[in-house]
N, C-alpha and C. Protein backbone atom coordinates (compact mmCIF):
# COMPACT_ATOMS: atom_id res chain seq x y z
N UNK A 1 27.56 -3.75 7.95
CA UNK A 1 26.35 -3.83 7.15
C UNK A 1 26.69 -4.55 5.83
N UNK A 2 25.80 -5.46 5.47
CA UNK A 2 25.95 -6.20 4.22
C UNK A 2 25.24 -5.46 3.08
N UNK A 3 25.64 -5.75 1.85
CA UNK A 3 24.96 -5.17 0.69
C UNK A 3 23.49 -5.55 0.67
N UNK A 4 23.18 -6.75 1.11
CA UNK A 4 21.79 -7.19 1.11
C UNK A 4 20.93 -6.35 2.06
N UNK A 5 21.53 -5.86 3.15
CA UNK A 5 20.78 -4.99 4.06
C UNK A 5 20.43 -3.66 3.40
N UNK A 6 21.37 -3.14 2.63
CA UNK A 6 21.09 -1.90 1.89
C UNK A 6 20.03 -2.15 0.81
N UNK A 7 20.12 -3.28 0.14
CA UNK A 7 19.12 -3.63 -0.86
C UNK A 7 17.73 -3.77 -0.24
N UNK A 8 17.64 -4.42 0.91
CA UNK A 8 16.35 -4.54 1.60
C UNK A 8 15.82 -3.19 2.04
N UNK A 9 16.71 -2.32 2.52
CA UNK A 9 16.29 -0.98 2.91
C UNK A 9 15.68 -0.24 1.72
N UNK A 10 16.36 -0.29 0.58
CA UNK A 10 15.84 0.39 -0.61
C UNK A 10 14.51 -0.20 -1.06
N UNK A 11 14.41 -1.52 -1.06
CA UNK A 11 13.16 -2.18 -1.44
C UNK A 11 12.04 -1.82 -0.47
N UNK A 12 12.33 -1.83 0.82
CA UNK A 12 11.31 -1.52 1.82
C UNK A 12 10.84 -0.07 1.73
N UNK A 13 11.78 0.86 1.66
CA UNK A 13 11.41 2.28 1.63
C UNK A 13 10.68 2.60 0.33
N UNK A 14 11.15 2.05 -0.79
CA UNK A 14 10.48 2.32 -2.07
C UNK A 14 9.09 1.74 -2.14
N UNK A 15 8.96 0.44 -1.90
CA UNK A 15 7.65 -0.20 -2.04
C UNK A 15 6.71 0.21 -0.91
N UNK A 16 7.20 0.27 0.30
CA UNK A 16 6.35 0.69 1.42
C UNK A 16 5.92 2.14 1.31
N UNK A 17 6.85 2.99 0.91
CA UNK A 17 6.52 4.41 0.74
C UNK A 17 5.49 4.64 -0.34
N UNK A 18 5.65 3.97 -1.47
CA UNK A 18 4.67 4.10 -2.56
C UNK A 18 3.30 3.61 -2.10
N UNK A 19 3.26 2.48 -1.40
CA UNK A 19 1.98 1.96 -0.94
C UNK A 19 1.33 2.91 0.07
N UNK A 20 2.11 3.49 0.96
CA UNK A 20 1.56 4.43 1.94
C UNK A 20 0.95 5.65 1.24
N UNK A 21 1.64 6.17 0.25
CA UNK A 21 1.12 7.32 -0.51
C UNK A 21 -0.14 6.92 -1.26
N UNK A 22 -0.19 5.69 -1.74
CA UNK A 22 -1.36 5.16 -2.45
C UNK A 22 -2.55 4.99 -1.50
N UNK A 23 -2.29 4.63 -0.26
CA UNK A 23 -3.36 4.38 0.70
C UNK A 23 -3.91 5.61 1.40
N UNK A 24 -3.13 6.67 1.50
CA UNK A 24 -3.56 7.87 2.24
C UNK A 24 -4.89 8.44 1.72
N UNK A 25 -5.10 8.56 0.40
CA UNK A 25 -6.38 9.11 -0.06
C UNK A 25 -7.58 8.24 0.31
N UNK A 26 -7.37 6.95 0.46
CA UNK A 26 -8.47 6.06 0.83
C UNK A 26 -8.98 6.36 2.23
N UNK A 27 -8.10 6.80 3.09
CA UNK A 27 -8.50 7.12 4.47
C UNK A 27 -8.88 8.58 4.65
N UNK A 28 -8.14 9.48 4.03
CA UNK A 28 -8.28 10.90 4.33
C UNK A 28 -8.88 11.73 3.21
N UNK A 29 -9.02 11.14 2.03
CA UNK A 29 -9.57 11.87 0.90
C UNK A 29 -11.08 11.94 0.94
N UNK A 30 -11.63 12.50 -0.11
CA UNK A 30 -13.07 12.61 -0.24
C UNK A 30 -13.44 13.88 -0.97
N UNK A 31 -14.69 14.00 -1.30
CA UNK A 31 -15.19 15.15 -2.04
C UNK A 31 -14.85 16.44 -1.29
N UNK A 32 -14.19 17.35 -2.00
CA UNK A 32 -13.81 18.64 -1.42
C UNK A 32 -12.55 18.63 -0.59
N UNK A 33 -11.92 17.48 -0.45
CA UNK A 33 -10.70 17.39 0.36
C UNK A 33 -9.47 17.42 -0.54
N UNK A 34 -8.39 17.96 -0.01
CA UNK A 34 -7.14 18.04 -0.76
C UNK A 34 -6.01 17.47 0.09
N UNK A 35 -4.99 16.92 -0.57
CA UNK A 35 -3.86 16.38 0.19
C UNK A 35 -3.01 17.50 0.77
N UNK A 36 -2.21 17.18 1.77
CA UNK A 36 -1.25 18.17 2.26
C UNK A 36 -0.35 18.61 1.11
N UNK A 37 0.00 19.89 1.05
CA UNK A 37 0.80 20.41 -0.09
C UNK A 37 2.09 19.64 -0.33
N UNK A 38 2.81 19.26 0.73
CA UNK A 38 4.07 18.54 0.55
C UNK A 38 3.84 17.18 -0.10
N UNK A 39 2.72 16.54 0.25
CA UNK A 39 2.42 15.23 -0.31
C UNK A 39 1.97 15.34 -1.76
N UNK A 40 1.19 16.37 -2.06
CA UNK A 40 0.78 16.60 -3.44
C UNK A 40 1.99 16.89 -4.33
N UNK A 41 2.93 17.67 -3.81
CA UNK A 41 4.15 17.97 -4.57
C UNK A 41 4.97 16.70 -4.82
N UNK A 42 5.07 15.87 -3.79
CA UNK A 42 5.81 14.61 -3.92
C UNK A 42 5.14 13.67 -4.92
N UNK A 43 3.82 13.53 -4.81
CA UNK A 43 3.10 12.55 -5.62
C UNK A 43 2.82 13.02 -7.04
N UNK A 44 2.73 14.31 -7.26
CA UNK A 44 2.54 14.81 -8.62
C UNK A 44 1.15 15.34 -8.87
N UNK A 45 0.94 15.90 -10.07
CA UNK A 45 -0.30 16.62 -10.37
C UNK A 45 -1.57 15.76 -10.38
N UNK A 46 -1.46 14.47 -10.59
CA UNK A 46 -2.65 13.61 -10.61
C UNK A 46 -3.11 13.21 -9.21
N UNK A 47 -2.30 13.47 -8.22
CA UNK A 47 -2.61 13.01 -6.86
C UNK A 47 -3.82 13.71 -6.27
N UNK A 48 -3.97 14.99 -6.59
CA UNK A 48 -5.10 15.75 -6.05
C UNK A 48 -6.42 15.11 -6.47
N UNK A 49 -6.49 14.63 -7.70
CA UNK A 49 -7.71 13.98 -8.19
C UNK A 49 -7.98 12.68 -7.42
N UNK A 50 -6.94 11.89 -7.16
CA UNK A 50 -7.16 10.65 -6.41
C UNK A 50 -7.61 10.96 -4.98
N UNK A 51 -7.14 12.06 -4.43
CA UNK A 51 -7.55 12.47 -3.09
C UNK A 51 -9.03 12.86 -3.10
N UNK A 52 -9.43 13.62 -4.11
CA UNK A 52 -10.82 14.06 -4.26
C UNK A 52 -11.76 12.87 -4.45
N UNK A 53 -11.31 11.86 -5.17
CA UNK A 53 -12.14 10.69 -5.45
C UNK A 53 -12.02 9.62 -4.36
N UNK A 54 -11.13 9.84 -3.40
CA UNK A 54 -10.88 8.85 -2.36
C UNK A 54 -11.81 9.01 -1.18
N UNK A 55 -11.34 8.60 -0.04
CA UNK A 55 -12.12 8.63 1.18
C UNK A 55 -12.92 7.36 1.36
N UNK A 56 -13.23 7.01 2.59
CA UNK A 56 -13.98 5.78 2.86
C UNK A 56 -15.34 5.73 2.15
N UNK A 57 -16.02 6.87 2.04
CA UNK A 57 -17.34 6.87 1.39
C UNK A 57 -17.20 6.55 -0.10
N UNK A 58 -16.36 7.29 -0.80
CA UNK A 58 -16.20 7.09 -2.24
C UNK A 58 -15.57 5.73 -2.56
N UNK A 59 -14.52 5.38 -1.83
CA UNK A 59 -13.87 4.09 -2.08
C UNK A 59 -14.81 2.95 -1.70
N UNK A 60 -15.57 3.14 -0.62
CA UNK A 60 -16.55 2.13 -0.22
C UNK A 60 -17.60 1.91 -1.30
N UNK A 61 -18.04 2.99 -1.96
CA UNK A 61 -19.01 2.86 -3.05
C UNK A 61 -18.42 2.06 -4.21
N UNK A 62 -17.15 2.29 -4.49
CA UNK A 62 -16.49 1.53 -5.56
C UNK A 62 -16.39 0.05 -5.17
N UNK A 63 -16.08 -0.23 -3.92
CA UNK A 63 -16.01 -1.61 -3.46
C UNK A 63 -17.37 -2.28 -3.51
N UNK A 64 -18.42 -1.54 -3.21
CA UNK A 64 -19.78 -2.09 -3.28
C UNK A 64 -20.10 -2.55 -4.70
N UNK A 65 -19.68 -1.77 -5.68
CA UNK A 65 -19.92 -2.14 -7.08
C UNK A 65 -19.17 -3.41 -7.47
N UNK A 66 -18.09 -3.69 -6.75
CA UNK A 66 -17.31 -4.91 -7.01
C UNK A 66 -17.83 -6.11 -6.23
N UNK A 67 -18.85 -5.89 -5.42
CA UNK A 67 -19.42 -6.98 -4.65
C UNK A 67 -18.70 -7.30 -3.36
N UNK A 68 -17.91 -6.36 -2.87
CA UNK A 68 -17.20 -6.56 -1.61
C UNK A 68 -18.20 -6.42 -0.46
N UNK A 69 -18.30 -7.40 0.44
CA UNK A 69 -19.21 -7.26 1.57
C UNK A 69 -18.72 -6.18 2.54
N UNK A 70 -19.64 -5.51 3.19
CA UNK A 70 -19.31 -4.43 4.12
C UNK A 70 -18.32 -3.45 3.48
N UNK A 71 -18.71 -2.82 2.38
CA UNK A 71 -17.75 -2.04 1.60
C UNK A 71 -17.12 -0.86 2.33
N UNK A 72 -17.86 -0.19 3.21
CA UNK A 72 -17.25 0.94 3.92
C UNK A 72 -16.17 0.45 4.88
N UNK A 73 -16.45 -0.66 5.56
CA UNK A 73 -15.45 -1.25 6.45
C UNK A 73 -14.26 -1.73 5.62
N UNK A 74 -14.55 -2.36 4.48
CA UNK A 74 -13.48 -2.81 3.58
C UNK A 74 -12.62 -1.66 3.10
N UNK A 75 -13.26 -0.52 2.80
CA UNK A 75 -12.51 0.66 2.35
C UNK A 75 -11.57 1.14 3.46
N UNK A 76 -12.08 1.19 4.68
CA UNK A 76 -11.23 1.64 5.79
C UNK A 76 -10.10 0.66 6.06
N UNK A 77 -10.41 -0.64 6.03
CA UNK A 77 -9.36 -1.64 6.26
C UNK A 77 -8.30 -1.60 5.16
N UNK A 78 -8.73 -1.43 3.92
CA UNK A 78 -7.77 -1.34 2.82
C UNK A 78 -6.88 -0.11 2.98
N UNK A 79 -7.48 1.02 3.34
CA UNK A 79 -6.68 2.22 3.56
C UNK A 79 -5.69 2.06 4.70
N UNK A 80 -6.15 1.44 5.79
CA UNK A 80 -5.25 1.19 6.93
C UNK A 80 -4.13 0.23 6.53
N UNK A 81 -4.49 -0.82 5.78
CA UNK A 81 -3.47 -1.77 5.33
C UNK A 81 -2.42 -1.08 4.46
N UNK A 82 -2.88 -0.24 3.54
CA UNK A 82 -1.94 0.40 2.62
C UNK A 82 -1.12 1.49 3.30
N UNK A 83 -1.78 2.37 4.04
CA UNK A 83 -1.03 3.44 4.70
C UNK A 83 -0.20 2.89 5.85
N UNK A 84 -0.86 2.19 6.78
CA UNK A 84 -0.14 1.66 7.94
C UNK A 84 0.86 0.59 7.58
N UNK A 85 0.42 -0.35 6.73
CA UNK A 85 1.32 -1.42 6.30
C UNK A 85 2.49 -0.88 5.50
N UNK A 86 2.21 0.11 4.64
CA UNK A 86 3.29 0.72 3.85
C UNK A 86 4.32 1.39 4.74
N UNK A 87 3.84 2.11 5.75
CA UNK A 87 4.77 2.76 6.68
C UNK A 87 5.55 1.70 7.46
N UNK A 88 4.85 0.66 7.92
CA UNK A 88 5.52 -0.42 8.64
C UNK A 88 6.61 -1.08 7.81
N UNK A 89 6.28 -1.37 6.56
CA UNK A 89 7.28 -1.97 5.66
C UNK A 89 8.46 -1.02 5.47
N UNK A 90 8.17 0.25 5.18
CA UNK A 90 9.24 1.22 4.94
C UNK A 90 10.18 1.32 6.13
N UNK A 91 9.62 1.30 7.33
CA UNK A 91 10.45 1.41 8.53
C UNK A 91 11.07 0.07 8.95
N UNK A 92 10.54 -1.01 8.43
CA UNK A 92 10.98 -2.32 8.89
C UNK A 92 10.46 -2.58 10.29
N UNK A 93 9.19 -2.19 10.53
CA UNK A 93 8.57 -2.34 11.85
C UNK A 93 7.44 -3.35 11.76
N UNK A 94 7.45 -4.33 12.66
CA UNK A 94 6.45 -5.41 12.63
C UNK A 94 6.39 -6.01 11.23
N UNK A 95 7.54 -6.25 10.68
CA UNK A 95 7.67 -6.64 9.27
C UNK A 95 6.86 -7.88 8.90
N UNK A 96 6.89 -8.97 9.66
CA UNK A 96 6.08 -10.13 9.23
C UNK A 96 4.60 -9.81 9.15
N UNK A 97 4.08 -9.08 10.13
CA UNK A 97 2.67 -8.71 10.13
C UNK A 97 2.36 -7.74 8.99
N UNK A 98 3.14 -6.69 8.87
CA UNK A 98 2.91 -5.70 7.81
C UNK A 98 2.98 -6.35 6.44
N UNK A 99 3.94 -7.23 6.24
CA UNK A 99 4.09 -7.91 4.95
C UNK A 99 2.87 -8.77 4.64
N UNK A 100 2.40 -9.51 5.63
CA UNK A 100 1.23 -10.37 5.42
C UNK A 100 -0.02 -9.55 5.11
N UNK A 101 -0.22 -8.46 5.84
CA UNK A 101 -1.41 -7.62 5.65
C UNK A 101 -1.41 -6.98 4.28
N UNK A 102 -0.29 -6.38 3.87
CA UNK A 102 -0.28 -5.69 2.58
C UNK A 102 -0.32 -6.69 1.42
N UNK A 103 0.27 -7.85 1.59
CA UNK A 103 0.19 -8.88 0.54
C UNK A 103 -1.25 -9.33 0.36
N UNK A 104 -1.95 -9.56 1.46
CA UNK A 104 -3.36 -9.95 1.38
C UNK A 104 -4.20 -8.86 0.72
N UNK A 105 -3.92 -7.61 1.06
CA UNK A 105 -4.65 -6.49 0.46
C UNK A 105 -4.40 -6.43 -1.05
N UNK A 106 -3.17 -6.64 -1.47
CA UNK A 106 -2.85 -6.63 -2.90
C UNK A 106 -3.53 -7.81 -3.61
N UNK A 107 -3.59 -8.96 -2.95
CA UNK A 107 -4.25 -10.12 -3.56
C UNK A 107 -5.74 -9.85 -3.80
N UNK A 108 -6.39 -9.20 -2.83
CA UNK A 108 -7.80 -8.85 -3.01
C UNK A 108 -7.93 -7.83 -4.14
N UNK A 109 -7.06 -6.85 -4.18
CA UNK A 109 -7.11 -5.84 -5.24
C UNK A 109 -6.94 -6.48 -6.61
N UNK A 110 -6.00 -7.41 -6.71
CA UNK A 110 -5.78 -8.10 -8.00
C UNK A 110 -7.05 -8.83 -8.40
N UNK A 111 -7.60 -9.61 -7.50
CA UNK A 111 -8.76 -10.44 -7.85
C UNK A 111 -10.02 -9.64 -8.12
N UNK A 112 -10.31 -8.68 -7.26
CA UNK A 112 -11.59 -7.97 -7.34
C UNK A 112 -11.56 -6.76 -8.28
N UNK A 113 -10.44 -6.07 -8.37
CA UNK A 113 -10.42 -4.82 -9.14
C UNK A 113 -9.67 -4.91 -10.46
N UNK A 114 -8.66 -5.75 -10.55
CA UNK A 114 -7.77 -5.69 -11.71
C UNK A 114 -7.78 -6.93 -12.60
N UNK A 115 -8.22 -8.06 -12.10
CA UNK A 115 -8.09 -9.33 -12.81
C UNK A 115 -8.72 -9.29 -14.20
N UNK A 116 -9.90 -8.71 -14.30
CA UNK A 116 -10.64 -8.71 -15.57
C UNK A 116 -9.91 -7.94 -16.66
N UNK A 117 -8.98 -7.05 -16.29
CA UNK A 117 -8.24 -6.26 -17.28
C UNK A 117 -6.96 -6.97 -17.73
N UNK A 118 -6.63 -8.07 -17.10
CA UNK A 118 -5.41 -8.78 -17.46
C UNK A 118 -4.18 -8.17 -16.81
N UNK A 119 -3.05 -8.69 -17.16
CA UNK A 119 -1.79 -8.27 -16.54
C UNK A 119 -1.40 -6.85 -16.90
N UNK A 120 -1.48 -6.50 -18.16
CA UNK A 120 -0.84 -5.29 -18.65
C UNK A 120 -1.84 -4.21 -19.04
N UNK A 121 -1.44 -2.96 -18.86
CA UNK A 121 -2.21 -1.82 -19.34
C UNK A 121 -3.03 -1.16 -18.26
N UNK A 122 -3.75 -0.10 -18.64
CA UNK A 122 -4.58 0.66 -17.71
C UNK A 122 -5.55 -0.27 -16.99
N UNK A 123 -5.48 -0.29 -15.67
CA UNK A 123 -6.36 -1.12 -14.88
C UNK A 123 -5.91 -2.56 -14.71
N UNK A 124 -4.80 -2.93 -15.35
CA UNK A 124 -4.28 -4.28 -15.22
C UNK A 124 -3.69 -4.54 -13.85
N UNK A 125 -3.30 -5.78 -13.61
CA UNK A 125 -2.83 -6.13 -12.27
C UNK A 125 -1.31 -6.15 -12.13
N UNK A 126 -0.60 -5.57 -13.08
CA UNK A 126 0.85 -5.59 -13.01
C UNK A 126 1.39 -4.87 -11.77
N UNK A 127 0.85 -3.69 -11.44
CA UNK A 127 1.35 -2.94 -10.28
C UNK A 127 1.07 -3.67 -8.96
N UNK A 128 -0.18 -4.06 -8.68
CA UNK A 128 -0.39 -4.76 -7.40
C UNK A 128 0.35 -6.09 -7.33
N UNK A 129 0.57 -6.75 -8.47
CA UNK A 129 1.32 -8.01 -8.46
C UNK A 129 2.77 -7.77 -8.07
N UNK A 130 3.41 -6.78 -8.67
CA UNK A 130 4.81 -6.49 -8.34
C UNK A 130 4.93 -6.05 -6.88
N UNK A 131 3.97 -5.24 -6.42
CA UNK A 131 3.99 -4.83 -5.02
C UNK A 131 3.85 -6.04 -4.10
N UNK A 132 2.89 -6.92 -4.40
CA UNK A 132 2.69 -8.11 -3.58
C UNK A 132 3.95 -8.96 -3.54
N UNK A 133 4.59 -9.14 -4.68
CA UNK A 133 5.81 -9.94 -4.72
C UNK A 133 6.93 -9.30 -3.90
N UNK A 134 7.02 -7.97 -3.95
CA UNK A 134 8.02 -7.28 -3.13
C UNK A 134 7.75 -7.51 -1.65
N UNK A 135 6.48 -7.44 -1.27
CA UNK A 135 6.14 -7.63 0.15
C UNK A 135 6.35 -9.07 0.60
N UNK A 136 6.08 -10.02 -0.27
CA UNK A 136 6.36 -11.42 0.05
C UNK A 136 7.86 -11.61 0.23
N UNK A 137 8.65 -11.04 -0.67
CA UNK A 137 10.11 -11.15 -0.57
C UNK A 137 10.62 -10.55 0.74
N UNK A 138 10.08 -9.39 1.11
CA UNK A 138 10.49 -8.75 2.36
C UNK A 138 10.06 -9.61 3.55
N UNK A 139 8.85 -10.16 3.49
CA UNK A 139 8.38 -11.02 4.57
C UNK A 139 9.23 -12.26 4.74
N UNK A 140 9.67 -12.84 3.62
CA UNK A 140 10.50 -14.05 3.68
C UNK A 140 11.90 -13.73 4.18
N UNK A 141 12.49 -12.65 3.65
CA UNK A 141 13.88 -12.34 3.98
C UNK A 141 14.04 -11.59 5.30
N UNK A 142 12.97 -10.95 5.74
CA UNK A 142 13.06 -10.10 6.92
C UNK A 142 13.48 -8.70 6.51
N UNK A 143 13.46 -7.76 7.44
CA UNK A 143 13.68 -6.36 7.10
C UNK A 143 15.14 -5.96 6.91
N UNK A 144 16.05 -6.81 7.32
CA UNK A 144 17.47 -6.45 7.25
C UNK A 144 17.91 -5.74 8.52
N UNK A 145 19.18 -5.41 8.57
CA UNK A 145 19.74 -4.84 9.80
C UNK A 145 19.40 -3.36 9.98
N UNK A 146 19.02 -2.68 8.91
CA UNK A 146 18.68 -1.26 9.01
C UNK A 146 17.16 -1.16 9.11
N UNK A 147 16.66 -1.45 10.33
CA UNK A 147 15.21 -1.51 10.51
C UNK A 147 14.84 -1.29 11.97
N UNK A 148 13.60 -0.90 12.17
CA UNK A 148 13.07 -0.77 13.53
C UNK A 148 13.03 -2.13 14.22
N UNK A 149 12.64 -3.16 13.46
CA UNK A 149 12.62 -4.50 14.05
C UNK A 149 13.99 -4.88 14.59
N UNK A 150 15.04 -4.62 13.85
CA UNK A 150 16.40 -4.95 14.31
C UNK A 150 16.78 -4.12 15.52
N UNK A 151 16.39 -2.85 15.49
CA UNK A 151 16.68 -1.95 16.61
C UNK A 151 16.12 -2.51 17.93
N UNK A 152 14.95 -3.13 17.84
CA UNK A 152 14.32 -3.70 19.04
C UNK A 152 14.52 -5.19 19.17
N UNK A 153 15.46 -5.75 18.40
CA UNK A 153 15.82 -7.15 18.54
C UNK A 153 14.80 -8.13 17.99
N UNK A 154 13.96 -7.69 17.04
CA UNK A 154 12.93 -8.57 16.49
C UNK A 154 13.24 -9.06 15.09
N UNK A 155 14.35 -8.66 14.52
CA UNK A 155 14.65 -9.06 13.14
C UNK A 155 15.34 -10.41 13.12
């Protein structure tokens, strides 16, 4: 194993894991819903609020205000991209596809939700930009040798 493989593993698990945790409330959250206790403990005290405010209905309403067409479908697709794509990136599974999907999702988030706030500060696009760049880097370099793709001869 090369050092770069370990570096890719850390980048994949960190960025993919964070994105998956970020996407879960979009799919499974909603008014009156709470995250699984282990996930709330991992994510911290503010996570319960994001779960309560999440869900396809609530997130879809937010997307509608941003002018996203078919906002409920967009909310579900964004949640699937973040949760599923994040897990795929973390595992190094279907890496080119997962990388492309989550990068596209971050690009839409930057343009539609964060651009008006600028790069830095509350609501800025610094977080989705760094995530997108990490996913582009993973897509370009591949998942490394410690990955599901490598296990099945796809890396």
